[in-house]
């Protein structure tokens, strides 16, 4: 059985860290408009009825033009004081390579950091660098969107 591995990407942000975090907590449905090259469609699934994220909230996210690449995630841990949220990927195209996949967003003054914990199905499976790059691009797009326009 493969070990759980960890990788992270940290993005410098200039917008308010609480506003950035709250976007993921309450306005994730707007991600396709904010980062259209990275998020094509996002929808609530499995009985989730509100975009206000709580533990158990489930979303289906498509990130290719034809919808061929997707994942379903569930919010599994939220730390409001630390501006931190952890998602567990339940299914999707990436799961052909991984037995488990979690992504944690932590937002602090000046930085938005995604940490991915994953367990490969085999050593020949790729590291999830493509997903880290996508998350970095989403962070940058969201920062530009939320940055004060002077």
C-alpha atoms as a PDB file:
ATOM      1  CA  UNK A   1       0.000   0.000   0.000  1.00  0.00           C
ATOM      2  CA  UNK A   2       1.376   3.398  -1.008  1.00  0.00           C
ATOM      3  CA  UNK A   3       2.075   6.079   1.574  1.00  0.00           C
ATOM      4  CA  UNK A   4       0.080   9.258   1.921  1.00  0.00           C
ATOM      5  CA  UNK A   5       2.061  12.051   0.287  1.00  0.00           C
ATOM      6  CA  UNK A   6       1.701  15.788   0.574  1.00  0.00           C
ATOM      7  CA  UNK A   7       2.319  18.661  -1.831  1.00  0.00           C
ATOM      8  CA  UNK A   8       1.410  22.320  -1.609  1.00  0.00           C
ATOM      9  CA  UNK A   9       1.219  25.509  -3.569  1.00  0.00           C
ATOM     10  CA  UNK A  10       1.261  28.936  -1.981  1.00  0.00           C
ATOM     11  CA  UNK A  11      -0.026  31.940  -3.890  1.00  0.00           C
ATOM     12  CA  UNK A  12       0.636  35.533  -2.950  1.00  0.00           C
ATOM     13  CA  UNK A  13      -2.652  37.448  -2.708  1.00  0.00           C
ATOM     14  CA  UNK A  14      -3.301  41.159  -2.380  1.00  0.00           C
ATOM     15  CA  UNK A  15      -6.990  41.104  -1.535  1.00  0.00           C
ATOM     16  CA  UNK A  16      -8.397  40.762   1.970  1.00  0.00           C
ATOM     17  CA  UNK A  17      -7.804  37.219   3.248  1.00  0.00           C
ATOM     18  CA  UNK A  18     -11.224  36.956   4.897  1.00  0.00           C
ATOM     19  CA  UNK A  19     -12.990  37.997   1.699  1.00  0.00           C
ATOM     20  CA  UNK A  20     -10.927  35.431  -0.235  1.00  0.00           C
ATOM     21  CA  UNK A  21     -11.802  32.645   2.235  1.00  0.00           C
ATOM     22  CA  UNK A  22     -15.466  33.642   2.357  1.00  0.00           C
ATOM     23  CA  UNK A  23     -15.655  33.391  -1.425  1.00  0.00           C
ATOM     24  CA  UNK A  24     -14.926  29.651  -1.156  1.00  0.00           C
ATOM     25  CA  UNK A  25     -17.282  29.342   1.807  1.00  0.00           C
ATOM     26  CA  UNK A  26     -20.274  31.159   0.299  1.00  0.00           C
ATOM     27  CA  UNK A  27     -19.786  31.992  -3.388  1.00  0.00           C
ATOM     28  CA  UNK A  28     -18.059  28.996  -4.969  1.00  0.00           C
ATOM     29  CA  UNK A  29     -20.825  28.943  -7.584  1.00  0.00           C
ATOM     30  CA  UNK A  30     -19.190  32.044  -9.113  1.00  0.00           C
ATOM     31  CA  UNK A  31     -15.847  30.308  -9.784  1.00  0.00           C
ATOM     32  CA  UNK A  32     -16.672  29.595 -13.469  1.00  0.00           C
ATOM     33  CA  UNK A  33     -17.135  33.345 -14.030  1.00  0.00           C
ATOM     34  CA  UNK A  34     -14.006  34.278 -12.066  1.00  0.00           C
ATOM     35  CA  UNK A  35     -11.687  31.580 -13.453  1.00  0.00           C
ATOM     36  CA  UNK A  36     -13.297  30.331 -16.684  1.00  0.00           C
ATOM     37  CA  UNK A  37     -10.098  28.750 -18.014  1.00  0.00           C
ATOM     38  CA  UNK A  38      -9.925  26.522 -14.930  1.00  0.00           C
ATOM     39  CA  UNK A  39     -13.487  25.906 -13.728  1.00  0.00           C
ATOM     40  CA  UNK A  40     -16.130  25.233 -16.376  1.00  0.00           C
ATOM     41  CA  UNK A  41     -19.107  24.307 -14.219  1.00  0.00           C
ATOM     42  CA  UNK A  42     -19.873  23.754 -10.555  1.00  0.00           C
ATOM     43  CA  UNK A  43     -23.059  22.378  -9.047  1.00  0.00           C
ATOM     44  CA  UNK A  44     -24.437  21.199  -5.734  1.00  0.00           C
ATOM     45  CA  UNK A  45     -25.082  17.447  -5.509  1.00  0.00           C
ATOM     46  CA  UNK A  46     -26.235  14.650  -3.217  1.00  0.00           C
ATOM     47  CA  UNK A  47     -28.843  16.682  -1.358  1.00  0.00           C
ATOM     48  CA  UNK A  48     -26.705  19.776  -0.780  1.00  0.00           C
ATOM     49  CA  UNK A  49     -29.074  22.741  -1.184  1.00  0.00           C
ATOM     50  CA  UNK A  50     -27.029  25.810  -0.227  1.00  0.00           C
ATOM     51  CA  UNK A  51     -23.794  27.417  -1.407  1.00  0.00           C
ATOM     52  CA  UNK A  52     -23.017  28.233   2.253  1.00  0.00           C
ATOM     53  CA  UNK A  53     -20.351  25.604   2.859  1.00  0.00           C
ATOM     54  CA  UNK A  54     -20.679  23.428   5.940  1.00  0.00           C
ATOM     55  CA  UNK A  55     -19.167  20.052   6.776  1.00  0.00           C
ATOM     56  CA  UNK A  56     -20.903  17.619   4.439  1.00  0.00           C
ATOM     57  CA  UNK A  57     -21.470  20.077   1.576  1.00  0.00           C
ATOM     58  CA  UNK A  58     -20.938  18.272  -1.729  1.00  0.00           C
ATOM     59  CA  UNK A  59     -20.131  19.819  -5.097  1.00  0.00           C
ATOM     60  CA  UNK A  60     -19.498  18.496  -8.586  1.00  0.00           C
ATOM     61  CA  UNK A  61     -16.839  20.508 -10.419  1.00  0.00           C
ATOM     62  CA  UNK A  62     -16.044  20.254 -14.139  1.00  0.00           C
ATOM     63  CA  UNK A  63     -12.734  21.662 -15.270  1.00  0.00           C
ATOM     64  CA  UNK A  64     -12.454  20.887 -18.968  1.00  0.00           C
ATOM     65  CA  UNK A  65     -14.378  22.448 -21.834  1.00  0.00           C
ATOM     66  CA  UNK A  66     -16.187  19.228 -22.672  1.00  0.00           C
ATOM     67  CA  UNK A  67     -16.743  18.277 -19.028  1.00  0.00           C
ATOM     68  CA  UNK A  68     -14.568  15.197 -19.466  1.00  0.00           C
ATOM     69  CA  UNK A  69     -12.562  16.018 -16.351  1.00  0.00           C
ATOM     70  CA  UNK A  70     -14.501  16.409 -13.149  1.00  0.00           C
ATOM     71  CA  UNK A  71     -14.493  15.624  -9.476  1.00  0.00           C
ATOM     72  CA  UNK A  72     -17.031  15.432  -6.704  1.00  0.00           C
ATOM     73  CA  UNK A  73     -15.856  16.743  -3.358  1.00  0.00           C
ATOM     74  CA  UNK A  74     -17.169  16.999   0.163  1.00  0.00           C
ATOM     75  CA  UNK A  75     -16.214  19.579   2.774  1.00  0.00           C
ATOM     76  CA  UNK A  76     -14.894  17.454   5.647  1.00  0.00           C
ATOM     77  CA  UNK A  77     -13.298  20.000   7.974  1.00  0.00           C
ATOM     78  CA  UNK A  78     -13.747  23.732   8.487  1.00  0.00           C
ATOM     79  CA  UNK A  79     -11.737  25.960  10.821  1.00  0.00           C
ATOM     80  CA  UNK A  80     -13.305  29.413  10.727  1.00  0.00           C
ATOM     81  CA  UNK A  81     -10.668  30.935  13.028  1.00  0.00           C
ATOM     82  CA  UNK A  82      -7.794  29.804  10.807  1.00  0.00           C
ATOM     83  CA  UNK A  83      -9.605  30.519   7.494  1.00  0.00           C
ATOM     84  CA  UNK A  84      -9.123  26.870   6.593  1.00  0.00           C
ATOM     85  CA  UNK A  85     -11.289  24.330   4.781  1.00  0.00           C
ATOM     86  CA  UNK A  86     -10.558  20.729   3.801  1.00  0.00           C
ATOM     87  CA  UNK A  87     -12.241  18.921   0.925  1.00  0.00           C
ATOM     88  CA  UNK A  88     -12.176  15.190   0.276  1.00  0.00           C
ATOM     89  CA  UNK A  89     -12.492  14.080  -3.335  1.00  0.00           C
ATOM     90  CA  UNK A  90     -15.129  11.344  -3.496  1.00  0.00           C
ATOM     91  CA  UNK A  91     -15.007  10.528  -7.197  1.00  0.00           C
ATOM     92  CA  UNK A  92     -13.821  11.856 -10.518  1.00  0.00           C
ATOM     93  CA  UNK A  93     -11.321  11.425 -13.295  1.00  0.00           C
ATOM     94  CA  UNK A  94      -8.342  12.051 -10.990  1.00  0.00           C
ATOM     95  CA  UNK A  95      -9.338   9.083  -8.846  1.00  0.00           C
ATOM     96  CA  UNK A  96      -8.082   6.706 -11.533  1.00  0.00           C
ATOM     97  CA  UNK A  97      -4.630   7.529 -10.128  1.00  0.00           C
ATOM     98  CA  UNK A  98      -5.291   7.944  -6.399  1.00  0.00           C
ATOM     99  CA  UNK A  99      -6.809   5.864  -3.611  1.00  0.00           C
ATOM    100  CA  UNK A 100      -7.386   9.029  -1.589  1.00  0.00           C
ATOM    101  CA  UNK A 101      -7.190  12.743  -2.341  1.00  0.00           C
ATOM    102  CA  UNK A 102      -7.768  15.672   0.033  1.00  0.00           C
ATOM    103  CA  UNK A 103      -7.231  19.367  -0.612  1.00  0.00           C
ATOM    104  CA  UNK A 104      -6.976  21.962   2.150  1.00  0.00           C
ATOM    105  CA  UNK A 105      -7.201  25.700   1.554  1.00  0.00           C
ATOM    106  CA  UNK A 106      -5.682  27.933   4.214  1.00  0.00           C
ATOM    107  CA  UNK A 107      -5.828  31.696   3.752  1.00  0.00           C
ATOM    108  CA  UNK A 108      -3.676  34.113   5.732  1.00  0.00           C
ATOM    109  CA  UNK A 109      -2.703  37.720   5.234  1.00  0.00           C
ATOM    110  CA  UNK A 110      -0.934  37.848   1.884  1.00  0.00           C
ATOM    111  CA  UNK A 111      -1.156  34.133   1.038  1.00  0.00           C
ATOM    112  CA  UNK A 112      -3.577  31.448  -0.061  1.00  0.00           C
ATOM    113  CA  UNK A 113      -2.129  27.972   0.360  1.00  0.00           C
ATOM    114  CA  UNK A 114      -3.509  24.704  -0.989  1.00  0.00           C
ATOM    115  CA  UNK A 115      -2.148  21.499   0.542  1.00  0.00           C
ATOM    116  CA  UNK A 116      -2.943  18.244  -1.208  1.00  0.00           C
ATOM    117  CA  UNK A 117      -2.711  14.913   0.589  1.00  0.00           C
ATOM    118  CA  UNK A 118      -2.917  11.941  -1.737  1.00  0.00           C
ATOM    119  CA  UNK A 119      -2.257   8.250  -1.918  1.00  0.00           C
ATOM    120  CA  UNK A 120      -1.268   6.893  -5.318  1.00  0.00           C
ATOM    121  CA  UNK A 121      -2.774   3.659  -6.594  1.00  0.00           C
ATOM    122  CA  UNK A 122       0.742   2.674  -7.683  1.00  0.00           C
ATOM    123  CA  UNK A 123       4.182   4.248  -7.870  1.00  0.00           C
ATOM    124  CA  UNK A 124       3.784   4.663 -11.636  1.00  0.00           C
ATOM    125  CA  UNK A 125       0.868   7.092 -11.137  1.00  0.00           C
ATOM    126  CA  UNK A 126       1.697  10.782 -11.614  1.00  0.00           C
ATOM    127  CA  UNK A 127       2.078  13.303  -8.838  1.00  0.00           C
ATOM    128  CA  UNK A 128      -0.873  15.729  -8.782  1.00  0.00           C
ATOM    129  CA  UNK A 129       1.175  18.703 -10.031  1.00  0.00           C
ATOM    130  CA  UNK A 130      -1.389  19.530 -12.714  1.00  0.00           C
ATOM    131  CA  UNK A 131      -4.032  20.030 -10.015  1.00  0.00           C
ATOM    132  CA  UNK A 132      -1.721  22.210  -7.938  1.00  0.00           C
ATOM    133  CA  UNK A 133      -1.083  24.413 -10.984  1.00  0.00           C
ATOM    134  CA  UNK A 134      -4.821  24.684 -11.600  1.00  0.00           C
ATOM    135  CA  UNK A 135      -5.432  25.678  -7.962  1.00  0.00           C
ATOM    136  CA  UNK A 136      -2.663  28.275  -8.195  1.00  0.00           C
ATOM    137  CA  UNK A 137      -4.319  29.750 -11.307  1.00  0.00           C
ATOM    138  CA  UNK A 138      -7.705  29.810  -9.562  1.00  0.00           C
ATOM    139  CA  UNK A 139      -6.105  31.617  -6.597  1.00  0.00           C
ATOM    140  CA  UNK A 140      -4.563  34.223  -8.901  1.00  0.00           C
ATOM    141  CA  UNK A 141      -7.801  34.739 -10.840  1.00  0.00           C
ATOM    142  CA  UNK A 142      -9.808  35.098  -7.634  1.00  0.00           C
ATOM    143  CA  UNK A 143      -7.268  37.508  -6.147  1.00  0.00           C
ATOM    144  CA  UNK A 144      -7.525  39.714  -9.260  1.00  0.00           C
ATOM    145  CA  UNK A 145     -11.320  39.545  -9.061  1.00  0.00           C
ATOM    146  CA  UNK A 146     -11.443  40.505  -5.367  1.00  0.00           C
ATOM    147  CA  UNK A 147      -8.641  43.061  -5.352  1.00  0.00           C
ATOM    148  CA  UNK A 148      -9.796  46.639  -4.765  1.00  0.00           C
ATOM    149  CA  UNK A 149     -10.071  48.538  -8.051  1.00  0.00           C
ATOM    150  CA  UNK A 150      -8.414  51.939  -7.501  1.00  0.00           C
END
